[in-house]
N, C-alpha and C. Protein backbone atom coordinates (compact mmCIF):
# COMPACT_ATOMS: atom_id res chain seq x y z
N MET A 1 -4.59 19.81 4.66
CA MET A 1 -4.01 19.00 3.60
C MET A 1 -2.72 19.67 3.16
N GLY A 2 -1.66 18.87 3.05
CA GLY A 2 -0.36 19.40 2.63
C GLY A 2 -0.30 19.64 1.13
N GLU A 3 0.73 20.29 0.71
CA GLU A 3 0.94 20.56 -0.71
C GLU A 3 1.59 19.35 -1.38
N ASN A 4 1.28 19.14 -2.65
CA ASN A 4 1.92 18.09 -3.43
C ASN A 4 3.29 18.56 -3.89
N PHE A 5 4.22 17.61 -4.04
CA PHE A 5 5.52 17.91 -4.62
C PHE A 5 5.96 16.71 -5.43
N LEU A 6 6.86 16.95 -6.35
CA LEU A 6 7.34 15.87 -7.21
C LEU A 6 8.59 15.22 -6.63
N MET A 7 8.66 13.91 -6.77
CA MET A 7 9.85 13.17 -6.38
C MET A 7 10.00 12.05 -7.40
N ASN A 8 11.18 11.88 -7.96
CA ASN A 8 11.31 10.79 -8.93
C ASN A 8 11.50 9.46 -8.22
N THR A 9 11.27 8.38 -8.95
CA THR A 9 11.32 7.05 -8.35
C THR A 9 12.72 6.70 -7.84
N ASN A 10 13.74 7.27 -8.44
CA ASN A 10 15.11 7.02 -7.95
C ASN A 10 15.29 7.56 -6.54
N THR A 11 14.74 8.73 -6.28
CA THR A 11 14.83 9.32 -4.95
C THR A 11 14.10 8.44 -3.95
N TRP A 12 12.90 7.98 -4.31
CA TRP A 12 12.14 7.10 -3.42
C TRP A 12 12.94 5.83 -3.13
N LYS A 13 13.56 5.26 -4.16
CA LYS A 13 14.36 4.05 -3.99
C LYS A 13 15.48 4.29 -2.97
N HIS A 14 16.18 5.42 -3.10
CA HIS A 14 17.27 5.71 -2.18
C HIS A 14 16.78 5.88 -0.74
N ILE A 15 15.61 6.49 -0.58
CA ILE A 15 15.03 6.67 0.75
C ILE A 15 14.73 5.30 1.37
N VAL A 16 14.02 4.45 0.63
CA VAL A 16 13.62 3.14 1.15
C VAL A 16 14.84 2.27 1.44
N VAL A 17 15.75 2.17 0.49
CA VAL A 17 16.93 1.32 0.66
C VAL A 17 17.80 1.83 1.81
N SER A 18 17.96 3.13 1.92
CA SER A 18 18.75 3.70 3.01
C SER A 18 18.15 3.38 4.37
N PHE A 19 16.83 3.51 4.49
CA PHE A 19 16.16 3.18 5.75
C PHE A 19 16.33 1.71 6.09
N ILE A 20 16.10 0.84 5.11
CA ILE A 20 16.21 -0.60 5.36
C ILE A 20 17.64 -0.98 5.72
N ASN A 21 18.61 -0.41 5.01
CA ASN A 21 20.01 -0.71 5.31
C ASN A 21 20.44 -0.17 6.67
N THR A 22 19.82 0.90 7.11
CA THR A 22 20.19 1.53 8.39
C THR A 22 19.52 0.87 9.58
N ILE A 23 18.19 0.66 9.49
CA ILE A 23 17.48 0.12 10.66
C ILE A 23 16.87 -1.26 10.43
N GLY A 24 17.09 -1.84 9.28
CA GLY A 24 16.60 -3.20 9.01
C GLY A 24 15.12 -3.25 8.67
N ASP A 25 14.54 -4.42 8.92
CA ASP A 25 13.14 -4.66 8.56
C ASP A 25 12.15 -3.75 9.28
N VAL A 26 12.56 -3.13 10.37
CA VAL A 26 11.69 -2.17 11.07
C VAL A 26 11.27 -1.06 10.11
N ALA A 27 12.14 -0.74 9.16
CA ALA A 27 11.84 0.31 8.19
C ALA A 27 10.60 -0.03 7.36
N LYS A 28 10.44 -1.30 7.03
CA LYS A 28 9.28 -1.72 6.24
C LYS A 28 7.99 -1.41 7.00
N GLY A 29 7.99 -1.69 8.30
CA GLY A 29 6.84 -1.37 9.13
C GLY A 29 6.62 0.12 9.26
N THR A 30 7.70 0.88 9.26
CA THR A 30 7.60 2.33 9.34
C THR A 30 6.94 2.89 8.08
N PHE A 31 7.34 2.38 6.92
CA PHE A 31 6.71 2.82 5.67
C PHE A 31 5.24 2.40 5.63
N TYR A 32 4.95 1.19 6.13
CA TYR A 32 3.55 0.73 6.20
C TYR A 32 2.74 1.69 7.06
N ARG A 33 3.26 2.02 8.22
CA ARG A 33 2.56 2.92 9.16
C ARG A 33 2.33 4.30 8.54
N ALA A 34 3.35 4.81 7.85
CA ALA A 34 3.22 6.11 7.17
C ALA A 34 2.13 6.03 6.09
N GLY A 35 2.10 4.93 5.36
CA GLY A 35 1.07 4.73 4.35
C GLY A 35 -0.31 4.62 4.96
N LEU A 36 -0.41 3.93 6.09
CA LEU A 36 -1.69 3.76 6.79
C LEU A 36 -2.27 5.12 7.17
N GLU A 37 -1.46 5.96 7.78
CA GLU A 37 -1.92 7.29 8.18
C GLU A 37 -2.25 8.15 6.96
N THR A 38 -1.45 8.02 5.90
CA THR A 38 -1.70 8.79 4.67
C THR A 38 -3.01 8.35 4.03
N GLY A 39 -3.28 7.04 4.01
CA GLY A 39 -4.54 6.54 3.44
C GLY A 39 -5.75 7.04 4.20
N ARG A 40 -5.65 7.06 5.52
CA ARG A 40 -6.76 7.58 6.34
C ARG A 40 -7.00 9.06 6.06
N GLU A 41 -5.91 9.80 6.02
CA GLU A 41 -6.01 11.25 5.76
C GLU A 41 -6.53 11.53 4.35
N PHE A 42 -6.12 10.71 3.39
CA PHE A 42 -6.55 10.83 1.99
C PHE A 42 -8.07 10.78 1.90
N VAL A 43 -8.67 9.81 2.59
CA VAL A 43 -10.14 9.66 2.58
C VAL A 43 -10.81 10.92 3.11
N LYS A 44 -10.29 11.45 4.20
CA LYS A 44 -10.89 12.63 4.81
C LYS A 44 -10.68 13.88 3.95
N ASN A 45 -9.45 14.08 3.46
CA ASN A 45 -9.15 15.27 2.68
C ASN A 45 -9.88 15.33 1.35
N TYR A 46 -10.01 14.18 0.69
CA TYR A 46 -10.64 14.15 -0.63
C TYR A 46 -12.10 13.69 -0.56
N LYS A 47 -12.61 13.51 0.67
CA LYS A 47 -14.01 13.13 0.88
C LYS A 47 -14.38 11.88 0.08
N ILE A 48 -13.55 10.84 0.22
CA ILE A 48 -13.76 9.58 -0.48
C ILE A 48 -14.76 8.73 0.31
N ASN A 49 -15.67 8.08 -0.42
CA ASN A 49 -16.60 7.15 0.20
C ASN A 49 -16.88 6.01 -0.78
N GLU A 50 -17.75 5.10 -0.39
CA GLU A 50 -18.04 3.93 -1.22
C GLU A 50 -18.61 4.30 -2.58
N LYS A 51 -19.24 5.47 -2.68
CA LYS A 51 -19.90 5.87 -3.93
C LYS A 51 -19.00 6.62 -4.91
N ASN A 52 -17.86 7.12 -4.45
CA ASN A 52 -17.00 7.88 -5.36
C ASN A 52 -15.57 7.33 -5.44
N LEU A 53 -15.45 6.00 -5.42
CA LEU A 53 -14.14 5.36 -5.47
C LEU A 53 -13.35 5.67 -6.74
N ASP A 54 -14.07 6.00 -7.83
CA ASP A 54 -13.38 6.36 -9.07
C ASP A 54 -12.48 7.59 -8.88
N LYS A 55 -12.83 8.41 -7.91
CA LYS A 55 -12.03 9.60 -7.58
C LYS A 55 -10.62 9.20 -7.11
N VAL A 56 -10.51 8.04 -6.43
CA VAL A 56 -9.21 7.57 -5.96
C VAL A 56 -8.28 7.34 -7.15
N ASN A 57 -8.79 6.68 -8.19
CA ASN A 57 -7.96 6.42 -9.37
C ASN A 57 -7.56 7.71 -10.07
N GLU A 58 -8.47 8.66 -10.14
CA GLU A 58 -8.15 9.97 -10.75
C GLU A 58 -6.98 10.62 -10.02
N ILE A 59 -7.05 10.64 -8.70
CA ILE A 59 -6.00 11.29 -7.90
C ILE A 59 -4.70 10.50 -7.98
N PHE A 60 -4.80 9.17 -7.95
CA PHE A 60 -3.60 8.33 -8.10
C PHE A 60 -2.89 8.65 -9.41
N SER A 61 -3.66 8.75 -10.48
CA SER A 61 -3.09 9.05 -11.79
C SER A 61 -2.43 10.43 -11.79
N GLN A 62 -3.09 11.42 -11.21
CA GLN A 62 -2.54 12.77 -11.15
C GLN A 62 -1.22 12.79 -10.38
N MET A 63 -1.11 11.97 -9.33
CA MET A 63 0.10 11.95 -8.52
C MET A 63 1.15 10.98 -9.10
N ASN A 64 0.79 10.28 -10.18
CA ASN A 64 1.67 9.31 -10.82
C ASN A 64 2.02 8.15 -9.88
N TRP A 65 1.04 7.72 -9.08
CA TRP A 65 1.23 6.61 -8.16
C TRP A 65 0.89 5.27 -8.81
N GLY A 66 0.23 5.31 -9.97
CA GLY A 66 -0.19 4.10 -10.66
C GLY A 66 -1.68 4.16 -10.93
N LYS A 67 -2.20 3.04 -11.42
CA LYS A 67 -3.64 2.92 -11.69
C LYS A 67 -4.20 1.92 -10.69
N ILE A 68 -5.19 2.36 -9.91
CA ILE A 68 -5.72 1.53 -8.83
C ILE A 68 -7.12 1.03 -9.16
N LYS A 69 -7.35 -0.25 -8.86
CA LYS A 69 -8.67 -0.87 -9.03
C LYS A 69 -9.07 -1.43 -7.66
N ILE A 70 -10.23 -1.01 -7.19
CA ILE A 70 -10.67 -1.38 -5.84
C ILE A 70 -11.93 -2.22 -5.91
N ASP A 71 -11.91 -3.38 -5.26
CA ASP A 71 -13.09 -4.23 -5.12
C ASP A 71 -13.43 -4.27 -3.63
N LEU A 72 -14.41 -3.46 -3.24
CA LEU A 72 -14.77 -3.36 -1.82
C LEU A 72 -15.35 -4.65 -1.27
N LYS A 73 -16.14 -5.35 -2.08
CA LYS A 73 -16.78 -6.57 -1.60
C LYS A 73 -15.76 -7.65 -1.28
N LYS A 74 -14.73 -7.78 -2.11
CA LYS A 74 -13.72 -8.81 -1.90
C LYS A 74 -12.53 -8.31 -1.07
N LEU A 75 -12.54 -7.02 -0.72
CA LEU A 75 -11.41 -6.39 -0.02
C LEU A 75 -10.11 -6.68 -0.78
N HIS A 76 -10.13 -6.30 -2.04
CA HIS A 76 -9.06 -6.64 -2.97
C HIS A 76 -8.70 -5.40 -3.79
N ILE A 77 -7.40 -5.14 -3.92
CA ILE A 77 -6.94 -3.97 -4.67
C ILE A 77 -5.81 -4.38 -5.60
N VAL A 78 -5.86 -3.86 -6.82
CA VAL A 78 -4.78 -4.06 -7.79
C VAL A 78 -4.25 -2.68 -8.17
N ILE A 79 -2.93 -2.56 -8.19
CA ILE A 79 -2.31 -1.31 -8.64
C ILE A 79 -1.37 -1.63 -9.79
N ASP A 80 -1.69 -1.09 -10.96
CA ASP A 80 -0.82 -1.19 -12.14
C ASP A 80 0.18 -0.05 -12.08
N ASN A 81 1.41 -0.31 -12.41
CA ASN A 81 2.47 0.71 -12.46
C ASN A 81 2.67 1.43 -11.12
N SER A 82 2.72 0.68 -10.05
CA SER A 82 2.98 1.25 -8.72
C SER A 82 4.29 2.01 -8.72
N PHE A 83 4.27 3.23 -8.19
CA PHE A 83 5.50 4.02 -8.13
C PHE A 83 6.56 3.33 -7.28
N GLU A 84 6.12 2.60 -6.25
CA GLU A 84 7.10 1.91 -5.39
C GLU A 84 7.76 0.76 -6.12
N ALA A 85 6.98 -0.03 -6.84
CA ALA A 85 7.55 -1.15 -7.58
C ALA A 85 8.48 -0.65 -8.68
N LYS A 86 8.10 0.46 -9.32
CA LYS A 86 8.98 1.05 -10.34
C LYS A 86 10.29 1.49 -9.73
N ALA A 87 10.23 2.04 -8.54
CA ALA A 87 11.43 2.54 -7.87
C ALA A 87 12.38 1.40 -7.50
N ILE A 88 11.84 0.35 -6.92
CA ILE A 88 12.68 -0.76 -6.46
C ILE A 88 13.15 -1.63 -7.62
N GLU A 89 12.37 -1.69 -8.67
CA GLU A 89 12.66 -2.42 -9.91
C GLU A 89 12.68 -3.93 -9.72
N LYS A 90 13.70 -4.49 -9.08
CA LYS A 90 13.80 -5.94 -8.93
C LYS A 90 14.00 -6.30 -7.47
N SER A 91 13.16 -7.24 -7.02
CA SER A 91 13.23 -7.64 -5.61
C SER A 91 12.80 -9.10 -5.50
N LYS A 92 13.26 -9.77 -4.47
CA LYS A 92 12.84 -11.14 -4.21
C LYS A 92 11.53 -11.18 -3.44
N GLU A 93 11.12 -10.04 -2.89
CA GLU A 93 9.89 -9.97 -2.11
C GLU A 93 9.06 -8.78 -2.56
N CYS A 94 7.79 -8.78 -2.17
CA CYS A 94 6.93 -7.64 -2.46
C CYS A 94 7.53 -6.41 -1.78
N SER A 95 7.50 -5.26 -2.48
CA SER A 95 8.24 -4.10 -1.97
C SER A 95 7.42 -2.82 -1.84
N CYS A 96 6.12 -2.91 -1.92
CA CYS A 96 5.28 -1.71 -1.83
C CYS A 96 4.80 -1.50 -0.39
N TYR A 97 5.74 -1.22 0.49
CA TYR A 97 5.44 -1.10 1.92
C TYR A 97 4.51 0.08 2.20
N PHE A 98 4.80 1.23 1.60
CA PHE A 98 3.99 2.43 1.81
C PHE A 98 2.58 2.23 1.24
N LEU A 99 2.49 1.74 0.00
CA LEU A 99 1.17 1.56 -0.63
C LEU A 99 0.36 0.47 0.08
N LYS A 100 1.02 -0.53 0.61
CA LYS A 100 0.32 -1.56 1.38
C LYS A 100 -0.37 -0.92 2.59
N GLY A 101 0.34 -0.05 3.27
CA GLY A 101 -0.26 0.68 4.39
C GLY A 101 -1.34 1.64 3.91
N PHE A 102 -1.08 2.29 2.78
CA PHE A 102 -2.03 3.26 2.23
C PHE A 102 -3.38 2.60 1.96
N VAL A 103 -3.37 1.44 1.28
CA VAL A 103 -4.65 0.79 0.94
C VAL A 103 -5.35 0.30 2.21
N ALA A 104 -4.58 -0.10 3.23
CA ALA A 104 -5.20 -0.50 4.50
C ALA A 104 -5.88 0.71 5.15
N GLY A 105 -5.21 1.84 5.18
CA GLY A 105 -5.79 3.06 5.75
C GLY A 105 -6.98 3.54 4.95
N LEU A 106 -6.87 3.46 3.64
CA LEU A 106 -7.95 3.89 2.73
C LEU A 106 -9.22 3.10 3.00
N LEU A 107 -9.13 1.76 2.90
CA LEU A 107 -10.34 0.94 3.07
C LEU A 107 -10.81 0.88 4.52
N SER A 108 -9.88 0.91 5.47
CA SER A 108 -10.30 0.92 6.88
C SER A 108 -11.17 2.14 7.17
N THR A 109 -10.78 3.26 6.61
CA THR A 109 -11.51 4.50 6.86
C THR A 109 -12.84 4.53 6.11
N ILE A 110 -12.82 4.10 4.86
CA ILE A 110 -14.06 4.09 4.06
C ILE A 110 -15.09 3.16 4.69
N LEU A 111 -14.65 1.96 5.09
CA LEU A 111 -15.57 0.94 5.60
C LEU A 111 -15.75 1.00 7.12
N ASN A 112 -14.98 1.87 7.77
CA ASN A 112 -15.03 1.99 9.23
C ASN A 112 -14.76 0.64 9.91
N LYS A 113 -13.70 -0.04 9.43
CA LYS A 113 -13.27 -1.34 9.98
C LYS A 113 -11.76 -1.29 10.16
N ASP A 114 -11.26 -2.08 11.07
CA ASP A 114 -9.82 -2.18 11.28
C ASP A 114 -9.27 -3.26 10.36
N LEU A 115 -8.65 -2.85 9.25
CA LEU A 115 -8.17 -3.80 8.23
C LEU A 115 -6.66 -3.79 8.14
N LYS A 116 -6.11 -4.92 7.78
CA LYS A 116 -4.67 -5.10 7.56
C LYS A 116 -4.50 -5.52 6.11
N ALA A 117 -3.50 -4.96 5.43
CA ALA A 117 -3.26 -5.31 4.03
C ALA A 117 -2.07 -6.25 3.91
N GLU A 118 -2.16 -7.10 2.91
CA GLU A 118 -1.08 -8.03 2.58
C GLU A 118 -0.84 -7.91 1.08
N GLU A 119 0.40 -7.68 0.68
CA GLU A 119 0.72 -7.61 -0.74
C GLU A 119 1.04 -9.03 -1.21
N VAL A 120 0.24 -9.53 -2.14
CA VAL A 120 0.40 -10.92 -2.59
C VAL A 120 1.08 -11.03 -3.95
N LYS A 121 1.10 -9.95 -4.69
CA LYS A 121 1.82 -9.89 -5.96
C LYS A 121 2.48 -8.52 -6.04
N CYS A 122 3.65 -8.48 -6.70
CA CYS A 122 4.35 -7.20 -6.83
C CYS A 122 5.12 -7.17 -8.15
N LYS A 123 4.98 -6.08 -8.83
CA LYS A 123 5.68 -5.90 -10.11
C LYS A 123 7.20 -5.98 -9.92
N SER A 124 7.71 -5.50 -8.80
CA SER A 124 9.17 -5.54 -8.59
C SER A 124 9.66 -6.98 -8.40
N LYS A 125 8.74 -7.89 -8.10
CA LYS A 125 9.06 -9.30 -7.92
C LYS A 125 8.89 -10.08 -9.23
N GLY A 126 8.44 -9.38 -10.26
CA GLY A 126 8.26 -10.02 -11.56
C GLY A 126 6.81 -10.27 -11.93
N ASP A 127 5.87 -9.93 -11.03
CA ASP A 127 4.44 -10.08 -11.35
C ASP A 127 4.01 -8.97 -12.30
N LYS A 128 2.85 -9.13 -12.94
CA LYS A 128 2.37 -8.14 -13.92
C LYS A 128 1.89 -6.85 -13.25
N TYR A 129 1.49 -6.95 -11.99
CA TYR A 129 0.95 -5.80 -11.25
C TYR A 129 1.12 -6.08 -9.76
N CYS A 130 0.78 -5.10 -8.95
CA CYS A 130 0.81 -5.26 -7.50
C CYS A 130 -0.62 -5.54 -7.04
N GLU A 131 -0.75 -6.54 -6.18
CA GLU A 131 -2.07 -6.96 -5.72
C GLU A 131 -2.08 -7.03 -4.20
N PHE A 132 -3.14 -6.50 -3.62
CA PHE A 132 -3.27 -6.43 -2.17
C PHE A 132 -4.58 -7.08 -1.74
N LYS A 133 -4.51 -7.90 -0.71
CA LYS A 133 -5.71 -8.48 -0.10
C LYS A 133 -5.79 -7.94 1.31
N LEU A 134 -6.99 -7.54 1.68
CA LEU A 134 -7.19 -6.98 3.01
C LEU A 134 -8.06 -7.90 3.84
N SER A 135 -7.84 -7.88 5.12
CA SER A 135 -8.65 -8.67 6.04
C SER A 135 -8.74 -7.92 7.36
N LYS A 136 -9.71 -8.33 8.16
CA LYS A 136 -9.83 -7.73 9.48
C LYS A 136 -8.55 -8.04 10.24
N THR A 137 -8.09 -7.13 11.03
CA THR A 137 -6.81 -7.28 11.73
C THR A 137 -6.76 -8.58 12.52
N ALA A 138 -7.82 -8.94 13.22
CA ALA A 138 -7.84 -10.17 14.03
C ALA A 138 -7.65 -11.40 13.14
N GLU A 139 -8.31 -11.43 11.98
CA GLU A 139 -8.16 -12.55 11.05
C GLU A 139 -6.73 -12.65 10.54
N TRP A 140 -6.13 -11.51 10.27
CA TRP A 140 -4.76 -11.49 9.77
C TRP A 140 -3.81 -12.06 10.82
N TYR A 141 -3.96 -11.66 12.06
CA TYR A 141 -3.09 -12.16 13.14
C TYR A 141 -3.28 -13.67 13.32
N GLU A 142 -4.51 -14.16 13.14
CA GLU A 142 -4.76 -15.60 13.22
C GLU A 142 -3.99 -16.35 12.15
N ARG A 143 -4.03 -15.84 10.90
CA ARG A 143 -3.32 -16.49 9.79
C ARG A 143 -1.82 -16.50 10.04
N VAL A 144 -1.28 -15.39 10.49
CA VAL A 144 0.15 -15.29 10.76
C VAL A 144 0.54 -16.25 11.88
N SER A 145 -0.27 -16.34 12.92
CA SER A 145 0.02 -17.25 14.04
C SER A 145 0.09 -18.70 13.57
N LYS A 146 -0.85 -19.08 12.69
CA LYS A 146 -0.85 -20.45 12.16
C LYS A 146 0.41 -20.72 11.33
N ILE A 147 0.80 -19.76 10.54
CA ILE A 147 2.02 -19.91 9.74
C ILE A 147 3.23 -20.06 10.64
N LEU A 148 3.31 -19.25 11.69
CA LEU A 148 4.44 -19.32 12.61
C LEU A 148 4.48 -20.64 13.38
N GLU A 149 3.32 -21.20 13.67
CA GLU A 149 3.26 -22.50 14.35
C GLU A 149 3.84 -23.60 13.48
N GLU A 150 3.67 -23.49 12.16
CA GLU A 150 4.15 -24.49 11.23
C GLU A 150 5.66 -24.43 11.03
N VAL A 151 6.26 -23.30 11.36
CA VAL A 151 7.69 -23.12 11.13
C VAL A 151 8.52 -23.80 12.17
């Protein structure tokens, strides 16, 4: 497990915006992938399981990542005061690319399933909080395919 360090939200904003401006939308997937791996590692390092999910919120608060609420049955997560949304401030689209990957890695590892996360609400977009819905990867690809067929 690596050491924690502090980074202010302005620094995070510059990192994300610089990556997106340099390599385009591929950067969003890169942050998602980094979050996915971090979420998986988080479960292993902090020994998170279905019975001690409250520990996730404790650690989130300590790291100043926000306040997380997890509903395992509905595969639904809400994050109040997401550090990513705070950093980006105002956006036309959901902007928590890293945390979206993180929650996918977190729940995929806890439940031992291959899950994909979708951010459906984001504070940087003007919503009250950031909300993520997770689904099995195959189901997610089916939904995306149907949307693309309609376009």
